[in-house]
């Protein structure tokens, strides 16, 4: 079974597993909610404030993960190729992936790559 990754162009081509960060954030937010409820009942306001700040930071991270364009699963070998090619051409991996997909699409529909690029703008 091959491992699938996601290229995240807005952050400069960072490779990350597709679902794992969201699962981690959801689990940790659940723990923070339990801590918030427990500390509110016990009236331990200093711990409550710390947990609240932690929860807000986690919500910010979740929002950052959601704010990017939809992730496209890419095989690990293609991610390595994208990163290597991007390093050689000094281009962001996301832009390189966009161009590669546009060229592939142009080949499928019989269009030239230039016309497909203009159509995307």
PDB file of N, CA and C in Angstrom:
ATOM      1  N   UNK A   1       0.852  -1.181   0.000  1.00  0.00           N
ATOM      2  CA  UNK A   1       0.000   0.000   0.000  1.00  0.00           C
ATOM      3  C   UNK A   1       0.889   1.232   0.000  1.00  0.00           C
ATOM      4  N   UNK A   2       0.667   2.123  -0.976  1.00  0.00           N
ATOM      5  CA  UNK A   2       1.508   3.303  -1.086  1.00  0.00           C
ATOM      6  C   UNK A   2       0.996   4.411  -0.179  1.00  0.00           C
ATOM      7  N   UNK A   3       1.930   5.235   0.279  1.00  0.00           N
ATOM      8  CA  UNK A   3       1.598   6.340   1.157  1.00  0.00           C
ATOM      9  C   UNK A   3       1.249   7.554   0.306  1.00  0.00           C
ATOM     10  N   UNK A   4       0.119   8.183   0.597  1.00  0.00           N
ATOM     11  CA  UNK A   4      -0.289   9.370  -0.151  1.00  0.00           C
ATOM     12  C   UNK A   4      -0.015  10.611   0.691  1.00  0.00           C
ATOM     13  N   UNK A   5       0.451  11.654   0.034  1.00  0.00           N
ATOM     14  CA  UNK A   5       0.751  12.910   0.692  1.00  0.00           C
ATOM     15  C   UNK A   5       0.017  14.027  -0.028  1.00  0.00           C
ATOM     16  N   UNK A   6       0.135  15.209   0.514  1.00  0.00           N
ATOM     17  CA  UNK A   6      -0.498  16.375  -0.071  1.00  0.00           C
ATOM     18  C   UNK A   6       0.545  17.465  -0.202  1.00  0.00           C
ATOM     19  N   UNK A   7       0.570  18.121  -1.350  1.00  0.00           N
ATOM     20  CA  UNK A   7       1.431  19.282  -1.528  1.00  0.00           C
ATOM     21  C   UNK A   7       0.585  20.496  -1.209  1.00  0.00           C
ATOM     22  N   UNK A   8       1.095  21.347  -0.366  1.00  0.00           N
ATOM     23  CA  UNK A   8       0.372  22.518   0.099  1.00  0.00           C
ATOM     24  C   UNK A   8       1.041  23.763  -0.474  1.00  0.00           C
ATOM     25  N   UNK A   9       0.658  24.186  -1.691  1.00  0.00           N
ATOM     26  CA  UNK A   9       1.354  25.265  -2.372  1.00  0.00           C
ATOM     27  C   UNK A   9       1.440  26.585  -1.619  1.00  0.00           C
ATOM     28  N   UNK A  10       0.372  27.072  -0.942  1.00  0.00           N
ATOM     29  CA  UNK A  10       0.490  28.382  -0.306  1.00  0.00           C
ATOM     30  C   UNK A  10       1.587  28.459   0.741  1.00  0.00           C
ATOM     31  N   UNK A  11       1.980  27.347   1.312  1.00  0.00           N
ATOM     32  CA  UNK A  11       3.042  27.393   2.314  1.00  0.00           C
ATOM     33  C   UNK A  11       4.385  27.023   1.712  1.00  0.00           C
ATOM     34  N   UNK A  12       4.523  27.121   0.420  1.00  0.00           N
ATOM     35  CA  UNK A  12       5.809  26.900  -0.215  1.00  0.00           C
ATOM     36  C   UNK A  12       6.095  25.449  -0.518  1.00  0.00           C
ATOM     37  N   UNK A  13       5.083  24.615  -0.644  1.00  0.00           N
ATOM     38  CA  UNK A  13       5.299  23.233  -1.038  1.00  0.00           C
ATOM     39  C   UNK A  13       5.548  22.285   0.110  1.00  0.00           C
ATOM     40  N   UNK A  14       5.024  22.584   1.274  1.00  0.00           N
ATOM     41  CA  UNK A  14       5.188  21.703   2.420  1.00  0.00           C
ATOM     42  C   UNK A  14       4.424  20.411   2.166  1.00  0.00           C
ATOM     43  N   UNK A  15       5.038  19.280   2.424  1.00  0.00           N
ATOM     44  CA  UNK A  15       4.390  17.994   2.246  1.00  0.00           C
ATOM     45  C   UNK A  15       3.861  17.545   3.599  1.00  0.00           C
ATOM     46  N   UNK A  16       2.579  17.179   3.617  1.00  0.00           N
ATOM     47  CA  UNK A  16       1.960  16.749   4.874  1.00  0.00           C
ATOM     48  C   UNK A  16       0.960  15.646   4.590  1.00  0.00           C
ATOM     49  N   UNK A  17       0.744  14.755   5.539  1.00  0.00           N
ATOM     50  CA  UNK A  17      -0.302  13.748   5.356  1.00  0.00           C
ATOM     51  C   UNK A  17      -1.653  14.442   5.227  1.00  0.00           C
ATOM     52  N   UNK A  18      -2.566  13.846   4.478  1.00  0.00           N
ATOM     53  CA  UNK A  18      -3.814  14.505   4.129  1.00  0.00           C
ATOM     54  C   UNK A  18      -4.751  14.734   5.315  1.00  0.00           C
ATOM     55  N   UNK A  19      -4.957  13.778   6.178  1.00  0.00           N
ATOM     56  CA  UNK A  19      -5.976  13.880   7.213  1.00  0.00           C
ATOM     57  C   UNK A  19      -5.393  13.967   8.624  1.00  0.00           C
ATOM     58  N   UNK A  20      -4.185  13.514   8.805  1.00  0.00           N
ATOM     59  CA  UNK A  20      -3.603  13.373  10.134  1.00  0.00           C
ATOM     60  C   UNK A  20      -3.592  14.669  10.954  1.00  0.00           C
ATOM     61  N   UNK A  21      -3.217  15.834  10.404  1.00  0.00           N
ATOM     62  CA  UNK A  21      -3.219  17.044  11.234  1.00  0.00           C
ATOM     63  C   UNK A  21      -4.597  17.400  11.770  1.00  0.00           C
ATOM     64  N   UNK A  22      -5.619  17.218  10.967  1.00  0.00           N
ATOM     65  CA  UNK A  22      -6.963  17.550  11.428  1.00  0.00           C
ATOM     66  C   UNK A  22      -7.422  16.605  12.537  1.00  0.00           C
ATOM     67  N   UNK A  23      -7.074  15.353  12.430  1.00  0.00           N
ATOM     68  CA  UNK A  23      -7.430  14.381  13.473  1.00  0.00           C
ATOM     69  C   UNK A  23      -6.728  14.737  14.780  1.00  0.00           C
ATOM     70  N   UNK A  24      -5.447  15.098  14.688  1.00  0.00           N
ATOM     71  CA  UNK A  24      -4.705  15.492  15.889  1.00  0.00           C
ATOM     72  C   UNK A  24      -5.304  16.737  16.531  1.00  0.00           C
ATOM     73  N   UNK A  25      -5.624  17.723  15.732  1.00  0.00           N
ATOM     74  CA  UNK A  25      -6.196  18.951  16.279  1.00  0.00           C
ATOM     75  C   UNK A  25      -7.557  18.678  16.903  1.00  0.00           C
ATOM     76  N   UNK A  26      -8.382  17.873  16.257  1.00  0.00           N
ATOM     77  CA  UNK A  26      -9.701  17.551  16.804  1.00  0.00           C
ATOM     78  C   UNK A  26      -9.581  16.827  18.139  1.00  0.00           C
ATOM     79  N   UNK A  27      -8.642  15.888  18.215  1.00  0.00           N
ATOM     80  CA  UNK A  27      -8.452  15.150  19.473  1.00  0.00           C
ATOM     81  C   UNK A  27      -7.954  16.071  20.577  1.00  0.00           C
ATOM     82  N   UNK A  28      -7.007  16.935  20.251  1.00  0.00           N
ATOM     83  CA  UNK A  28      -6.481  17.833  21.284  1.00  0.00           C
ATOM     84  C   UNK A  28      -7.516  18.890  21.676  1.00  0.00           C
ATOM     85  N   UNK A  29      -8.348  19.329  20.739  1.00  0.00           N
ATOM     86  CA  UNK A  29      -9.417  20.262  21.089  1.00  0.00           C
ATOM     87  C   UNK A  29     -10.434  19.614  22.024  1.00  0.00           C
ATOM     88  N   UNK A  30     -10.686  18.335  21.830  1.00  0.00           N
ATOM     89  CA  UNK A  30     -11.583  17.615  22.729  1.00  0.00           C
ATOM     90  C   UNK A  30     -11.028  17.608  24.152  1.00  0.00           C
ATOM     91  N   UNK A  31      -9.739  17.364  24.267  1.00  0.00           N
ATOM     92  CA  UNK A  31      -9.085  17.385  25.584  1.00  0.00           C
ATOM     93  C   UNK A  31      -9.164  18.783  26.190  1.00  0.00           C
ATOM     94  N   UNK A  32      -8.952  19.808  25.387  1.00  0.00           N
ATOM     95  CA  UNK A  32      -9.010  21.187  25.887  1.00  0.00           C
ATOM     96  C   UNK A  32     -10.415  21.520  26.376  1.00  0.00           C
ATOM     97  N   UNK A  33     -11.448  21.087  25.664  1.00  0.00           N
ATOM     98  CA  UNK A  33     -12.824  21.347  26.099  1.00  0.00           C
ATOM     99  C   UNK A  33     -13.096  20.683  27.447  1.00  0.00           C
ATOM    100  N   UNK A  34     -12.615  19.458  27.625  1.00  0.00           N
ATOM    101  CA  UNK A  34     -12.784  18.764  28.906  1.00  0.00           C
ATOM    102  C   UNK A  34     -12.067  19.532  30.019  1.00  0.00           C
ATOM    103  N   UNK A  35     -10.857  20.006  29.727  1.00  0.00           N
ATOM    104  CA  UNK A  35     -10.100  20.782  30.719  1.00  0.00           C
ATOM    105  C   UNK A  35     -10.834  22.082  31.048  1.00  0.00           C
ATOM    106  N   UNK A  36     -11.379  22.746  30.024  1.00  0.00           N
ATOM    107  CA  UNK A  36     -12.116  23.993  30.264  1.00  0.00           C
ATOM    108  C   UNK A  36     -13.327  23.757  31.166  1.00  0.00           C
ATOM    109  N   UNK A  37     -14.063  22.702  30.890  1.00  0.00           N
ATOM    110  CA  UNK A  37     -15.242  22.394  31.717  1.00  0.00           C
ATOM    111  C   UNK A  37     -14.819  22.070  33.146  1.00  0.00           C
ATOM    112  N   UNK A  38     -13.801  21.237  33.290  1.00  0.00           N
ATOM    113  CA  UNK A  38     -13.338  20.823  34.616  1.00  0.00           C
ATOM    114  C   UNK A  38     -12.814  22.010  35.426  1.00  0.00           C
ATOM    115  N   UNK A  39     -12.024  22.868  34.782  1.00  0.00           N
ATOM    116  CA  UNK A  39     -11.460  24.004  35.525  1.00  0.00           C
ATOM    117  C   UNK A  39     -12.525  25.056  35.837  1.00  0.00           C
ATOM    118  N   UNK A  40     -13.540  25.179  34.994  1.00  0.00           N
ATOM    119  CA  UNK A  40     -14.627  26.119  35.292  1.00  0.00           C
ATOM    120  C   UNK A  40     -15.434  25.641  36.494  1.00  0.00           C
ATOM    121  N   UNK A  41     -15.684  24.331  36.552  1.00  0.00           N
ATOM    122  CA  UNK A  41     -16.422  23.771  37.688  1.00  0.00           C
ATOM    123  C   UNK A  41     -15.615  23.927  38.973  1.00  0.00           C
ATOM    124  N   UNK A  42     -14.307  23.689  38.873  1.00  0.00           N
ATOM    125  CA  UNK A  42     -13.431  23.780  40.053  1.00  0.00           C
ATOM    126  C   UNK A  42     -13.023  25.212  40.356  1.00  0.00           C
ATOM    127  N   UNK A  43     -13.412  26.136  39.500  1.00  0.00           N
ATOM    128  CA  UNK A  43     -13.069  27.552  39.646  1.00  0.00           C
ATOM    129  C   UNK A  43     -11.562  27.780  39.734  1.00  0.00           C
ATOM    130  N   UNK A  44     -10.834  27.075  38.917  1.00  0.00           N
ATOM    131  CA  UNK A  44      -9.382  27.261  38.805  1.00  0.00           C
ATOM    132  C   UNK A  44      -9.141  28.122  37.569  1.00  0.00           C
ATOM    133  N   UNK A  45      -9.251  29.423  37.743  1.00  0.00           N
ATOM    134  CA  UNK A  45      -9.287  30.329  36.612  1.00  0.00           C
ATOM    135  C   UNK A  45      -7.947  30.491  35.905  1.00  0.00           C
ATOM    136  N   UNK A  46      -6.849  30.295  36.610  1.00  0.00           N
ATOM    137  CA  UNK A  46      -5.547  30.413  35.940  1.00  0.00           C
ATOM    138  C   UNK A  46      -5.358  29.278  34.925  1.00  0.00           C
ATOM    139  N   UNK A  47      -5.729  28.063  35.303  1.00  0.00           N
ATOM    140  CA  UNK A  47      -5.637  26.926  34.378  1.00  0.00           C
ATOM    141  C   UNK A  47      -6.669  27.089  33.265  1.00  0.00           C
ATOM    142  N   UNK A  48      -7.830  27.625  33.592  1.00  0.00           N
ATOM    143  CA  UNK A  48      -8.878  27.863  32.598  1.00  0.00           C
ATOM    144  C   UNK A  48      -8.372  28.796  31.494  1.00  0.00           C
ATOM    145  N   UNK A  49      -7.701  29.883  31.906  1.00  0.00           N
ATOM    146  CA  UNK A  49      -7.193  30.850  30.933  1.00  0.00           C
ATOM    147  C   UNK A  49      -6.126  30.210  30.047  1.00  0.00           C
ATOM    148  N   UNK A  50      -5.240  29.432  30.628  1.00  0.00           N
ATOM    149  CA  UNK A  50      -4.198  28.757  29.848  1.00  0.00           C
ATOM    150  C   UNK A  50      -4.836  27.786  28.839  1.00  0.00           C
ATOM    151  N   UNK A  51      -5.815  27.014  29.287  1.00  0.00           N
ATOM    152  CA  UNK A  51      -6.488  26.069  28.393  1.00  0.00           C
ATOM    153  C   UNK A  51      -7.256  26.813  27.299  1.00  0.00           C
ATOM    154  N   UNK A  52      -7.864  27.945  27.657  1.00  0.00           N
ATOM    155  CA  UNK A  52      -8.589  28.737  26.670  1.00  0.00           C
ATOM    156  C   UNK A  52      -7.652  29.264  25.582  1.00  0.00           C
ATOM    157  N   UNK A  53      -6.490  29.753  25.990  1.00  0.00           N
ATOM    158  CA  UNK A  53      -5.499  30.229  25.018  1.00  0.00           C
ATOM    159  C   UNK A  53      -5.044  29.081  24.128  1.00  0.00           C
ATOM    160  N   UNK A  54      -4.793  27.934  24.714  1.00  0.00           N
ATOM    161  CA  UNK A  54      -4.393  26.758  23.939  1.00  0.00           C
ATOM    162  C   UNK A  54      -5.475  26.373  22.935  1.00  0.00           C
ATOM    163  N   UNK A  55      -6.715  26.390  23.373  1.00  0.00           N
ATOM    164  CA  UNK A  55      -7.825  26.063  22.470  1.00  0.00           C
ATOM    165  C   UNK A  55      -7.949  27.059  21.329  1.00  0.00           C
ATOM    166  N   UNK A  56      -7.764  28.344  21.617  1.00  0.00           N
ATOM    167  CA  UNK A  56      -7.830  29.355  20.561  1.00  0.00           C
ATOM    168  C   UNK A  56      -6.692  29.189  19.559  1.00  0.00           C
ATOM    169  N   UNK A  57      -5.509  28.852  20.048  1.00  0.00           N
ATOM    170  CA  UNK A  57      -4.392  28.591  19.138  1.00  0.00           C
ATOM    171  C   UNK A  57      -4.682  27.394  18.235  1.00  0.00           C
ATOM    172  N   UNK A  58      -5.280  26.358  18.797  1.00  0.00           N
ATOM    173  CA  UNK A  58      -5.622  25.179  18.008  1.00  0.00           C
ATOM    174  C   UNK A  58      -6.702  25.493  16.975  1.00  0.00           C
ATOM    175  N   UNK A  59      -7.671  26.322  17.351  1.00  0.00           N
ATOM    176  CA  UNK A  59      -8.697  26.732  16.384  1.00  0.00           C
ATOM    177  C   UNK A  59      -8.076  27.557  15.260  1.00  0.00           C
ATOM    178  N   UNK A  60      -7.090  28.382  15.598  1.00  0.00           N
ATOM    179  CA  UNK A  60      -6.387  29.143  14.577  1.00  0.00           C
ATOM    180  C   UNK A  60      -5.639  28.234  13.621  1.00  0.00           C
ATOM    181  N   UNK A  61      -5.014  27.208  14.160  1.00  0.00           N
ATOM    182  CA  UNK A  61      -4.317  26.240  13.318  1.00  0.00           C
ATOM    183  C   UNK A  61      -5.301  25.500  12.418  1.00  0.00           C
ATOM    184  N   UNK A  62      -6.438  25.113  12.955  1.00  0.00           N
ATOM    185  CA  UNK A  62      -7.470  24.442  12.159  1.00  0.00           C
ATOM    186  C   UNK A  62      -7.928  25.354  11.024  1.00  0.00           C
ATOM    187  N   UNK A  63      -8.167  26.621  11.336  1.00  0.00           N
ATOM    188  CA  UNK A  63      -8.603  27.577  10.312  1.00  0.00           C
ATOM    189  C   UNK A  63      -7.538  27.727   9.230  1.00  0.00           C
ATOM    190  N   UNK A  64      -6.280  27.723   9.627  1.00  0.00           N
ATOM    191  CA  UNK A  64      -5.194  27.837   8.657  1.00  0.00           C
ATOM    192  C   UNK A  64      -5.173  26.618   7.740  1.00  0.00           C
ATOM    193  N   UNK A  65      -5.413  25.443   8.285  1.00  0.00           N
ATOM    194  CA  UNK A  65      -5.456  24.233   7.469  1.00  0.00           C
ATOM    195  C   UNK A  65      -6.630  24.260   6.499  1.00  0.00           C
ATOM    196  N   UNK A  66      -7.739  24.851   6.910  1.00  0.00           N
ATOM    197  CA  UNK A  66      -8.940  24.887   6.086  1.00  0.00           C
ATOM    198  C   UNK A  66      -8.922  26.009   5.063  1.00  0.00           C
ATOM    199  N   UNK A  67      -8.079  27.004   5.250  1.00  0.00           N
ATOM    200  CA  UNK A  67      -8.142  28.186   4.399  1.00  0.00           C
ATOM    201  C   UNK A  67      -7.485  27.995   3.035  1.00  0.00           C
ATOM    202  N   UNK A  68      -6.707  26.959   2.869  1.00  0.00           N
ATOM    203  CA  UNK A  68      -6.034  26.737   1.595  1.00  0.00           C
ATOM    204  C   UNK A  68      -6.983  26.081   0.601  1.00  0.00           C
ATOM    205  N   UNK A  69      -6.573  26.109  -0.635  1.00  0.00           N
ATOM    206  CA  UNK A  69      -7.386  25.454  -1.653  1.00  0.00           C
ATOM    207  C   UNK A  69      -7.449  23.960  -1.348  1.00  0.00           C
ATOM    208  N   UNK A  70      -8.403  23.261  -1.910  1.00  0.00           N
ATOM    209  CA  UNK A  70      -8.554  21.838  -1.602  1.00  0.00           C
ATOM    210  C   UNK A  70      -7.266  21.056  -1.891  1.00  0.00           C
ATOM    211  N   UNK A  71      -6.954  20.160  -1.004  1.00  0.00           N
ATOM    212  CA  UNK A  71      -5.760  19.343  -1.152  1.00  0.00           C
ATOM    213  C   UNK A  71      -5.994  18.231  -2.162  1.00  0.00           C
ATOM    214  N   UNK A  72      -4.983  17.954  -2.931  1.00  0.00           N
ATOM    215  CA  UNK A  72      -5.046  16.887  -3.919  1.00  0.00           C
ATOM    216  C   UNK A  72      -4.046  15.814  -3.497  1.00  0.00           C
ATOM    217  N   UNK A  73      -4.499  14.566  -3.277  1.00  0.00           N
ATOM    218  CA  UNK A  73      -3.561  13.515  -2.891  1.00  0.00           C
ATOM    219  C   UNK A  73      -2.568  13.234  -4.025  1.00  0.00           C
ATOM    220  N   UNK A  74      -1.300  13.165  -3.666  1.00  0.00           N
ATOM    221  CA  UNK A  74      -0.248  12.908  -4.640  1.00  0.00           C
ATOM    222  C   UNK A  74       0.630  11.782  -4.097  1.00  0.00           C
ATOM    223  N   UNK A  75       0.991  10.850  -4.979  1.00  0.00           N
ATOM    224  CA  UNK A  75       1.871   9.755  -4.562  1.00  0.00           C
ATOM    225  C   UNK A  75       3.200  10.316  -4.070  1.00  0.00           C
ATOM    226  N   UNK A  76       3.807   9.599  -3.127  1.00  0.00           N
ATOM    227  CA  UNK A  76       5.051  10.054  -2.509  1.00  0.00           C
ATOM    228  C   UNK A  76       6.176  10.220  -3.532  1.00  0.00           C
ATOM    229  N   UNK A  77       6.256   9.357  -4.541  1.00  0.00           N
ATOM    230  CA  UNK A  77       7.316   9.489  -5.540  1.00  0.00           C
ATOM    231  C   UNK A  77       7.130  10.758  -6.376  1.00  0.00           C
ATOM    232  N   UNK A  78       5.885  11.147  -6.640  1.00  0.00           N
ATOM    233  CA  UNK A  78       5.633  12.385  -7.375  1.00  0.00           C
ATOM    234  C   UNK A  78       5.943  13.611  -6.524  1.00  0.00           C
ATOM    235  N   UNK A  79       5.706  13.509  -5.224  1.00  0.00           N
ATOM    236  CA  UNK A  79       6.054  14.602  -4.323  1.00  0.00           C
ATOM    237  C   UNK A  79       7.565  14.798  -4.319  1.00  0.00           C
ATOM    238  N   UNK A  80       8.309  13.693  -4.274  1.00  0.00           N
ATOM    239  CA  UNK A  80       9.783  13.802  -4.325  1.00  0.00           C
ATOM    240  C   UNK A  80      10.218  14.454  -5.630  1.00  0.00           C
ATOM    241  N   UNK A  81       9.600  14.048  -6.749  1.00  0.00           N
ATOM    242  CA  UNK A  81       9.941  14.647  -8.041  1.00  0.00           C
ATOM    243  C   UNK A  81       9.624  16.142  -8.037  1.00  0.00           C
ATOM    244  N   UNK A  82       8.448  16.519  -7.509  1.00  0.00           N
ATOM    245  CA  UNK A  82       8.076  17.931  -7.447  1.00  0.00           C
ATOM    246  C   UNK A  82       9.078  18.743  -6.637  1.00  0.00           C
ATOM    247  N   UNK A  83       9.464  18.211  -5.477  1.00  0.00           N
ATOM    248  CA  UNK A  83      10.411  18.932  -4.628  1.00  0.00           C
ATOM    249  C   UNK A  83      11.772  19.076  -5.300  1.00  0.00           C
ATOM    250  N   UNK A  84      12.248  18.008  -5.928  1.00  0.00           N
ATOM    251  CA  UNK A  84      13.542  18.048  -6.612  1.00  0.00           C
ATOM    252  C   UNK A  84      13.496  19.004  -7.795  1.00  0.00           C
ATOM    253  N   UNK A  85      12.451  18.904  -8.589  1.00  0.00           N
ATOM    254  CA  UNK A  85      12.302  19.771  -9.767  1.00  0.00           C
ATOM    255  C   UNK A  85      12.173  21.237  -9.339  1.00  0.00           C
ATOM    256  N   UNK A  86      11.427  21.476  -8.271  1.00  0.00           N
ATOM    257  CA  UNK A  86      11.264  22.837  -7.759  1.00  0.00           C
ATOM    258  C   UNK A  86      12.592  23.398  -7.279  1.00  0.00           C
ATOM    259  N   UNK A  87      13.397  22.551  -6.652  1.00  0.00           N
ATOM    260  CA  UNK A  87      14.717  22.989  -6.192  1.00  0.00           C
ATOM    261  C   UNK A  87      15.607  23.355  -7.378  1.00  0.00           C
ATOM    262  N   UNK A  88      15.537  22.561  -8.443  1.00  0.00           N
ATOM    263  CA  UNK A  88      16.364  22.818  -9.617  1.00  0.00           C
ATOM    264  C   UNK A  88      15.922  24.072 -10.373  1.00  0.00           C
ATOM    265  N   UNK A  89      14.630  24.318 -10.429  1.00  0.00           N
ATOM    266  CA  UNK A  89      14.118  25.459 -11.192  1.00  0.00           C
ATOM    267  C   UNK A  89      13.861  26.686 -10.328  1.00  0.00           C
ATOM    268  N   UNK A  90      14.069  26.566  -9.022  1.00  0.00           N
ATOM    269  CA  UNK A  90      13.826  27.654  -8.078  1.00  0.00           C
ATOM    270  C   UNK A  90      12.380  28.162  -8.189  1.00  0.00           C
ATOM    271  N   UNK A  91      11.460  27.210  -8.235  1.00  0.00           N
ATOM    272  CA  UNK A  91      10.031  27.506  -8.365  1.00  0.00           C
ATOM    273  C   UNK A  91       9.306  26.818  -7.209  1.00  0.00           C
ATOM    274  N   UNK A  92       8.229  27.412  -6.746  1.00  0.00           N
ATOM    275  CA  UNK A  92       7.442  26.799  -5.672  1.00  0.00           C
ATOM    276  C   UNK A  92       6.837  25.487  -6.170  1.00  0.00           C
ATOM    277  N   UNK A  93       6.881  24.422  -5.355  1.00  0.00           N
ATOM    278  CA  UNK A  93       6.314  23.145  -5.777  1.00  0.00           C
ATOM    279  C   UNK A  93       4.846  23.248  -6.178  1.00  0.00           C
ATOM    280  N   UNK A  94       4.090  24.106  -5.518  1.00  0.00           N
ATOM    281  CA  UNK A  94       2.687  24.269  -5.867  1.00  0.00           C
ATOM    282  C   UNK A  94       2.504  24.823  -7.272  1.00  0.00           C
ATOM    283  N   UNK A  95       3.346  25.779  -7.646  1.00  0.00           N
ATOM    284  CA  UNK A  95       3.258  26.345  -9.001  1.00  0.00           C
ATOM    285  C   UNK A  95       3.672  25.307 -10.031  1.00  0.00           C
ATOM    286  N   UNK A  96       4.693  24.540  -9.707  1.00  0.00           N
ATOM    287  CA  UNK A  96       5.143  23.479 -10.608  1.00  0.00           C
ATOM    288  C   UNK A  96       4.038  22.440 -10.786  1.00  0.00           C
ATOM    289  N   UNK A  97       3.371  22.074  -9.694  1.00  0.00           N
ATOM    290  CA  UNK A  97       2.268  21.111  -9.776  1.00  0.00           C
ATOM    291  C   UNK A  97       1.124  21.677 -10.613  1.00  0.00           C
ATOM    292  N   UNK A  98       0.829  22.967 -10.439  1.00  0.00           N
ATOM    293  CA  UNK A  98      -0.216  23.601 -11.253  1.00  0.00           C
ATOM    294  C   UNK A  98       0.114  23.517 -12.736  1.00  0.00           C
ATOM    295  N   UNK A  99       1.359  23.834 -13.077  1.00  0.00           N
ATOM    296  CA  UNK A  99       1.759  23.792 -14.479  1.00  0.00           C
ATOM    297  C   UNK A  99       1.710  22.375 -15.030  1.00  0.00           C
ATOM    298  N   UNK A 100       2.153  21.401 -14.236  1.00  0.00           N
ATOM    299  CA  UNK A 100       2.159  20.009 -14.688  1.00  0.00           C
ATOM    300  C   UNK A 100       0.730  19.507 -14.932  1.00  0.00           C
ATOM    301  N   UNK A 101      -0.169  19.852 -14.035  1.00  0.00           N
ATOM    302  CA  UNK A 101      -1.559  19.426 -14.201  1.00  0.00           C
ATOM    303  C   UNK A 101      -2.195  20.142 -15.391  1.00  0.00           C
ATOM    304  N   UNK A 102      -1.885  21.427 -15.577  1.00  0.00           N
ATOM    305  CA  UNK A 102      -2.424  22.160 -16.725  1.00  0.00           C
ATOM    306  C   UNK A 102      -1.919  21.562 -18.034  1.00  0.00           C
ATOM    307  N   UNK A 103      -0.639  21.190 -18.078  1.00  0.00           N
ATOM    308  CA  UNK A 103      -0.085  20.581 -19.288  1.00  0.00           C
ATOM    309  C   UNK A 103      -0.730  19.218 -19.548  1.00  0.00           C
ATOM    310  N   UNK A 104      -0.941  18.448 -18.488  1.00  0.00           N
ATOM    311  CA  UNK A 104      -1.597  17.145 -18.632  1.00  0.00           C
ATOM    312  C   UNK A 104      -3.023  17.323 -19.152  1.00  0.00           C
ATOM    313  N   UNK A 105      -3.738  18.291 -18.572  1.00  0.00           N
ATOM    314  CA  UNK A 105      -5.111  18.576 -18.994  1.00  0.00           C
ATOM    315  C   UNK A 105      -5.145  19.013 -20.456  1.00  0.00           C
ATOM    316  N   UNK A 106      -4.201  19.864 -20.827  1.00  0.00           N
ATOM    317  CA  UNK A 106      -4.140  20.335 -22.210  1.00  0.00           C
ATOM    318  C   UNK A 106      -3.918  19.159 -23.162  1.00  0.00           C
ATOM    319  N   UNK A 107      -3.081  18.211 -22.748  1.00  0.00           N
ATOM    320  CA  UNK A 107      -2.855  17.029 -23.564  1.00  0.00           C
ATOM    321  C   UNK A 107      -4.101  16.162 -23.696  1.00  0.00           C
ATOM    322  N   UNK A 108      -4.893  16.106 -22.644  1.00  0.00           N
ATOM    323  CA  UNK A 108      -6.117  15.300 -22.679  1.00  0.00           C
ATOM    324  C   UNK A 108      -7.172  15.894 -23.604  1.00  0.00           C
ATOM    325  N   UNK A 109      -7.282  17.217 -23.583  1.00  0.00           N
ATOM    326  CA  UNK A 109      -8.336  17.838 -24.392  1.00  0.00           C
ATOM    327  C   UNK A 109      -7.820  18.340 -25.735  1.00  0.00           C
ATOM    328  N   UNK A 110      -6.536  18.115 -26.019  1.00  0.00           N
ATOM    329  CA  UNK A 110      -5.968  18.491 -27.305  1.00  0.00           C
ATOM    330  C   UNK A 110      -5.681  19.965 -27.439  1.00  0.00           C
ATOM    331  N   UNK A 111      -5.545  20.657 -26.324  1.00  0.00           N
ATOM    332  CA  UNK A 111      -5.234  22.080 -26.306  1.00  0.00           C
ATOM    333  C   UNK A 111      -3.739  22.272 -26.123  1.00  0.00           C
ATOM    334  N   UNK A 112      -3.236  23.432 -26.428  1.00  0.00           N
ATOM    335  CA  UNK A 112      -1.828  23.708 -26.145  1.00  0.00           C
ATOM    336  C   UNK A 112      -1.712  24.156 -24.701  1.00  0.00           C
ATOM    337  N   UNK A 113      -0.545  23.999 -24.132  1.00  0.00           N
ATOM    338  CA  UNK A 113      -0.329  24.383 -22.731  1.00  0.00           C
ATOM    339  C   UNK A 113      -0.526  25.886 -22.544  1.00  0.00           C
ATOM    340  N   UNK A 114      -0.158  26.694 -23.532  1.00  0.00           N
ATOM    341  CA  UNK A 114      -0.314  28.135 -23.414  1.00  0.00           C
ATOM    342  C   UNK A 114      -1.789  28.525 -23.351  1.00  0.00           C
ATOM    343  N   UNK A 115      -2.615  27.899 -24.198  1.00  0.00           N
ATOM    344  CA  UNK A 115      -4.033  28.199 -24.195  1.00  0.00           C
ATOM    345  C   UNK A 115      -4.686  27.775 -22.879  1.00  0.00           C
ATOM    346  N   UNK A 116      -4.245  26.642 -22.350  1.00  0.00           N
ATOM    347  CA  UNK A 116      -4.798  26.184 -21.062  1.00  0.00           C
ATOM    348  C   UNK A 116      -4.407  27.127 -19.948  1.00  0.00           C
ATOM    349  N   UNK A 117      -3.176  27.635 -19.967  1.00  0.00           N
ATOM    350  CA  UNK A 117      -2.732  28.566 -18.940  1.00  0.00           C
ATOM    351  C   UNK A 117      -3.510  29.869 -19.008  1.00  0.00           C
ATOM    352  N   UNK A 118      -3.779  30.364 -20.213  1.00  0.00           N
ATOM    353  CA  UNK A 118      -4.552  31.587 -20.379  1.00  0.00           C
ATOM    354  C   UNK A 118      -5.986  31.376 -19.906  1.00  0.00           C
ATOM    355  N   UNK A 119      -6.539  30.194 -20.192  1.00  0.00           N
ATOM    356  CA  UNK A 119      -7.908  29.886 -19.801  1.00  0.00           C
ATOM    357  C   UNK A 119      -8.051  29.869 -18.282  1.00  0.00           C
ATOM    358  N   UNK A 120      -7.010  29.436 -17.560  1.00  0.00           N
ATOM    359  CA  UNK A 120      -7.058  29.350 -16.106  1.00  0.00           C
ATOM    360  C   UNK A 120      -7.049  30.723 -15.461  1.00  0.00           C
ATOM    361  N   UNK A 121      -6.505  31.731 -16.109  1.00  0.00           N
ATOM    362  CA  UNK A 121      -6.416  33.081 -15.521  1.00  0.00           C
ATOM    363  C   UNK A 121      -7.709  33.756 -15.579  1.00  0.00           C
TER     364      UNK A 121
END
